């Protein structure tokens, strides 16, 4: 078992991904402790989920800050108050600068297979609407290291989901979210086990310690 890592979870909405982390931790499937939940909105239901589970919660309200730099500084100052090994963005609807000390220690998840259907303005149901409009047969989710561009950092894991002929954005979103619920905890667990290595634009996943090599 890996030593539990300390997470800061960043969100702006309902906190479904936060709840997924909480459930995986409770089930013994994710070696992590959530030290703090930070929301960019005071009315985000994710804050209530944090309170219900005894997790400290903080608001760094995006509307209070005039620009990218001031919001980034405010977030960095709050993160400095907590023992954080990894930032997990969980529907955080603000572009912020990743503090230098967290480069390679901040993750995000996107509801499509990057580099398709991603970038500025591509979030939430709009992604699924565009996927359906395009006629794609396969979509999915992508967990990646976050950098200072939208949906840009090195890809850790991707999981596919089929696009059905009668899909609506709601039905497709539900199917993709099922994959998100597995992929994101898996990526965090790999980080906890020190099995991720960033090599340029690629992320190498190392074998589990004690596992036999396939080349033996």
Protein backbone atom coordinates (compact mmCIF):
# COMPACT_ATOMS: atom_id res chain seq x y z
CA UNK A 1 0.00 0.00 0.00
CA UNK A 2 1.23 3.48 -0.87
CA UNK A 3 1.65 6.12 1.81
CA UNK A 4 -1.47 8.34 1.72
CA UNK A 5 -0.87 11.61 -0.09
CA UNK A 6 -2.42 14.93 0.82
CA UNK A 7 -4.85 16.41 -1.70
CA UNK A 8 -6.21 19.87 -2.28
CA UNK A 9 -9.39 19.55 -4.35
CA UNK A 10 -10.38 22.58 -6.44
CA UNK A 11 -13.96 22.90 -7.66
CA UNK A 12 -16.62 25.34 -8.80
CA UNK A 13 -19.81 23.31 -8.84
CA UNK A 14 -21.66 20.29 -7.49
CA UNK A 15 -18.63 18.35 -6.26
CA UNK A 16 -19.49 15.00 -7.89
CA UNK A 17 -15.81 14.35 -8.52
CA UNK A 18 -14.99 15.28 -4.93
CA UNK A 19 -17.61 12.78 -3.76
CA UNK A 20 -16.06 10.15 -5.99
CA UNK A 21 -12.69 10.74 -4.30
CA UNK A 22 -14.29 10.54 -0.86
CA UNK A 23 -15.98 7.24 -1.78
CA UNK A 24 -12.78 5.72 -3.18
CA UNK A 25 -10.82 6.72 -0.08
CA UNK A 26 -13.50 5.26 2.21
CA UNK A 27 -13.44 2.01 0.23
CA UNK A 28 -9.68 1.70 0.58
CA UNK A 29 -9.14 2.12 -3.15
CA UNK A 30 -7.32 5.46 -3.00
CA UNK A 31 -4.41 6.16 -0.67
CA UNK A 32 -5.10 9.84 -0.06
CA UNK A 33 -6.34 12.37 2.46
CA UNK A 34 -8.25 15.44 1.34
CA UNK A 35 -6.72 18.29 3.32
CA UNK A 36 -8.83 21.11 1.89
CA UNK A 37 -11.52 21.84 -0.70
CA UNK A 38 -11.17 25.20 -2.45
CA UNK A 39 -14.03 26.62 -4.48
CA UNK A 40 -14.11 29.57 -6.87
CA UNK A 41 -17.80 30.07 -5.99
CA UNK A 42 -19.38 30.53 -2.58
CA UNK A 43 -22.58 28.78 -3.69
CA UNK A 44 -20.89 25.61 -5.00
CA UNK A 45 -22.58 22.50 -3.57
CA UNK A 46 -19.15 20.89 -3.41
CA UNK A 47 -18.52 23.00 -0.30
CA UNK A 48 -21.50 21.36 1.40
CA UNK A 49 -20.14 17.92 0.48
CA UNK A 50 -16.87 18.91 2.14
CA UNK A 51 -18.67 20.07 5.29
CA UNK A 52 -20.68 16.85 5.45
CA UNK A 53 -17.45 14.87 5.43
CA UNK A 54 -15.53 17.02 7.89
CA UNK A 55 -13.15 18.42 5.26
CA UNK A 56 -11.98 22.03 5.61
CA UNK A 57 -13.46 24.21 2.86
CA UNK A 58 -12.39 27.60 1.56
CA UNK A 59 -13.74 30.02 -1.02
CA UNK A 60 -11.37 31.91 -3.31
CA UNK A 61 -14.09 33.71 -5.24
CA UNK A 62 -13.09 34.41 -8.83
CA UNK A 63 -15.41 37.43 -9.06
CA UNK A 64 -13.31 39.24 -6.45
CA UNK A 65 -10.18 39.23 -8.60
CA UNK A 66 -9.64 41.39 -11.65
CA UNK A 67 -7.31 39.21 -13.64
CA UNK A 68 -5.40 35.96 -14.03
CA UNK A 69 -2.45 37.10 -11.93
CA UNK A 70 -4.43 38.30 -8.90
CA UNK A 71 -6.58 35.15 -8.84
CA UNK A 72 -3.47 32.98 -9.19
CA UNK A 73 -1.76 34.74 -6.28
CA UNK A 74 -4.81 34.36 -4.06
CA UNK A 75 -5.06 30.66 -4.80
CA UNK A 76 -1.34 30.10 -4.23
CA UNK A 77 -1.55 31.90 -0.88
CA UNK A 78 -4.37 29.63 0.24
CA UNK A 79 -2.59 26.47 -0.91
CA UNK A 80 0.45 27.50 1.13
CA UNK A 81 -1.62 27.14 4.30
CA UNK A 82 -2.08 23.38 3.86
CA UNK A 83 0.20 20.33 3.58
CA UNK A 84 -0.52 19.48 -0.05
CA UNK A 85 1.22 16.84 -2.15
CA UNK A 86 -1.12 17.04 -5.15
CA UNK A 87 -3.70 19.50 -6.47
CA UNK A 88 -6.72 17.77 -8.00
CA UNK A 89 -8.87 20.05 -10.13
CA UNK A 90 -12.43 18.76 -10.04
CA UNK A 91 -14.53 21.05 -12.20
CA UNK A 92 -12.59 24.22 -11.32
CA UNK A 93 -13.90 26.70 -13.87
CA UNK A 94 -11.08 29.23 -13.70
CA UNK A 95 -7.78 29.39 -15.53
CA UNK A 96 -5.12 30.04 -12.89
CA UNK A 97 -1.37 29.87 -12.84
CA UNK A 98 0.00 26.70 -11.30
CA UNK A 99 2.52 27.68 -8.58
CA UNK A 100 6.04 26.66 -9.56
CA UNK A 101 6.30 24.18 -6.70
CA UNK A 102 3.19 22.37 -7.99
CA UNK A 103 4.33 21.92 -11.57
CA UNK A 104 4.02 18.17 -12.09
CA UNK A 105 1.89 17.98 -8.93
CA UNK A 106 -1.44 19.29 -10.26
CA UNK A 107 -3.98 17.20 -12.16
CA UNK A 108 -7.12 17.94 -14.12
CA UNK A 109 -9.73 15.85 -15.90
CA UNK A 110 -11.45 16.71 -19.17
CA UNK A 111 -14.62 15.01 -20.50
CA UNK A 112 -13.19 14.19 -23.94
CA UNK A 113 -10.15 12.56 -25.48
CA UNK A 114 -7.59 15.38 -25.61
CA UNK A 115 -6.53 16.89 -28.01
CA UNK A 116 -10.08 16.65 -29.38
CA UNK A 117 -12.87 18.91 -28.07
CA UNK A 118 -10.73 20.82 -25.61
CA UNK A 119 -9.33 24.27 -24.97
CA UNK A 120 -10.80 27.59 -23.95
CA UNK A 121 -14.60 27.55 -23.75
CA UNK A 122 -14.85 23.77 -24.08
CA UNK A 123 -16.25 22.50 -20.80
CA UNK A 124 -19.28 20.75 -19.36
CA UNK A 125 -22.17 19.89 -21.63
CA UNK A 126 -20.79 21.98 -24.49
CA UNK A 127 -18.12 19.32 -24.98
CA UNK A 128 -20.72 16.58 -25.33
CA UNK A 129 -22.87 18.70 -27.66
CA UNK A 130 -19.89 19.21 -29.96
CA UNK A 131 -18.96 15.52 -29.86
CA UNK A 132 -22.48 14.54 -30.96
CA UNK A 133 -22.62 17.23 -33.64
CA UNK A 134 -19.31 16.03 -35.07
CA UNK A 135 -20.56 12.49 -35.65
CA UNK A 136 -17.80 10.94 -33.52
CA UNK A 137 -18.29 7.29 -32.62
CA UNK A 138 -15.90 7.34 -29.64
CA UNK A 139 -15.29 9.92 -26.94
CA UNK A 140 -14.12 9.53 -23.35
CA UNK A 141 -12.16 11.33 -20.67
CA UNK A 142 -8.58 12.43 -20.15
CA UNK A 143 -6.64 12.88 -16.91
CA UNK A 144 -3.62 15.12 -17.42
CA UNK A 145 -1.12 17.16 -15.50
CA UNK A 146 -2.30 20.75 -15.40
CA UNK A 147 -0.21 23.63 -16.67
CA UNK A 148 -1.02 27.26 -17.44
CA UNK A 149 -3.04 26.55 -20.59
CA UNK A 150 -6.51 25.06 -20.93
CA UNK A 151 -6.45 21.24 -21.28
CA UNK A 152 -2.82 21.26 -22.32
CA UNK A 153 -0.57 19.42 -19.85
CA UNK A 154 0.91 15.93 -20.38
CA UNK A 155 -1.68 13.16 -20.56
CA UNK A 156 -1.66 10.56 -17.79
CA UNK A 157 -4.66 8.33 -18.60
CA UNK A 158 -7.50 8.20 -21.08
CA UNK A 159 -10.60 6.03 -21.01
CA UNK A 160 -12.99 5.67 -23.98
CA UNK A 161 -16.77 5.79 -24.07
CA UNK A 162 -18.98 5.03 -27.10
CA UNK A 163 -21.19 7.66 -28.68
CA UNK A 164 -24.56 6.07 -29.44
CA UNK A 165 -26.86 7.06 -32.29
CA UNK A 166 -29.61 8.28 -29.99
CA UNK A 167 -27.36 10.04 -27.46
CA UNK A 168 -28.24 13.40 -26.00
CA UNK A 169 -25.64 15.57 -24.25
CA UNK A 170 -27.09 14.37 -20.93
CA UNK A 171 -26.90 10.66 -21.75
CA UNK A 172 -23.40 10.98 -23.18
CA UNK A 173 -22.24 13.04 -20.19
CA UNK A 174 -23.46 10.32 -17.83
CA UNK A 175 -21.57 7.62 -19.74
CA UNK A 176 -18.36 9.67 -19.84
CA UNK A 177 -18.66 10.47 -16.13
CA UNK A 178 -18.70 6.74 -15.37
CA UNK A 179 -15.26 6.55 -16.97
CA UNK A 180 -14.09 9.67 -15.12
CA UNK A 181 -15.02 8.02 -11.83
CA UNK A 182 -12.47 5.27 -12.54
CA UNK A 183 -9.76 7.17 -14.39
CA UNK A 184 -9.20 10.06 -11.98
CA UNK A 185 -8.72 7.99 -8.79
CA UNK A 186 -6.51 5.61 -10.78
CA UNK A 187 -4.26 8.48 -11.86
CA UNK A 188 -4.04 9.83 -8.32
CA UNK A 189 -3.22 6.36 -7.00
CA UNK A 190 -0.42 6.04 -9.56
CA UNK A 191 0.94 9.36 -8.29
CA UNK A 192 0.69 8.13 -4.70
CA UNK A 193 2.68 5.04 -5.68
CA UNK A 194 5.34 7.26 -7.33
CA UNK A 195 4.78 5.56 -10.68
CA UNK A 196 4.38 8.60 -12.94
CA UNK A 197 7.31 10.14 -14.82
CA UNK A 198 6.89 13.17 -17.07
CA UNK A 199 9.08 12.94 -20.16
CA UNK A 200 8.37 15.99 -22.29
CA UNK A 201 4.80 15.67 -23.57
CA UNK A 202 4.53 12.07 -22.43
CA UNK A 203 3.84 10.52 -19.05
CA UNK A 204 5.47 7.15 -18.47
CA UNK A 205 3.68 4.80 -16.05
CA UNK A 206 6.20 2.69 -14.20
CA UNK A 207 5.52 -0.93 -13.19
CA UNK A 208 4.26 -1.53 -9.69
CA UNK A 209 7.09 -2.22 -7.29
CA UNK A 210 7.62 -5.94 -6.96
CA UNK A 211 5.86 -6.69 -10.25
CA UNK A 212 7.76 -8.88 -12.68
CA UNK A 213 8.79 -7.31 -15.97
CA UNK A 214 7.12 -8.69 -19.10
CA UNK A 215 10.61 -8.95 -20.59
CA UNK A 216 11.86 -11.40 -17.98
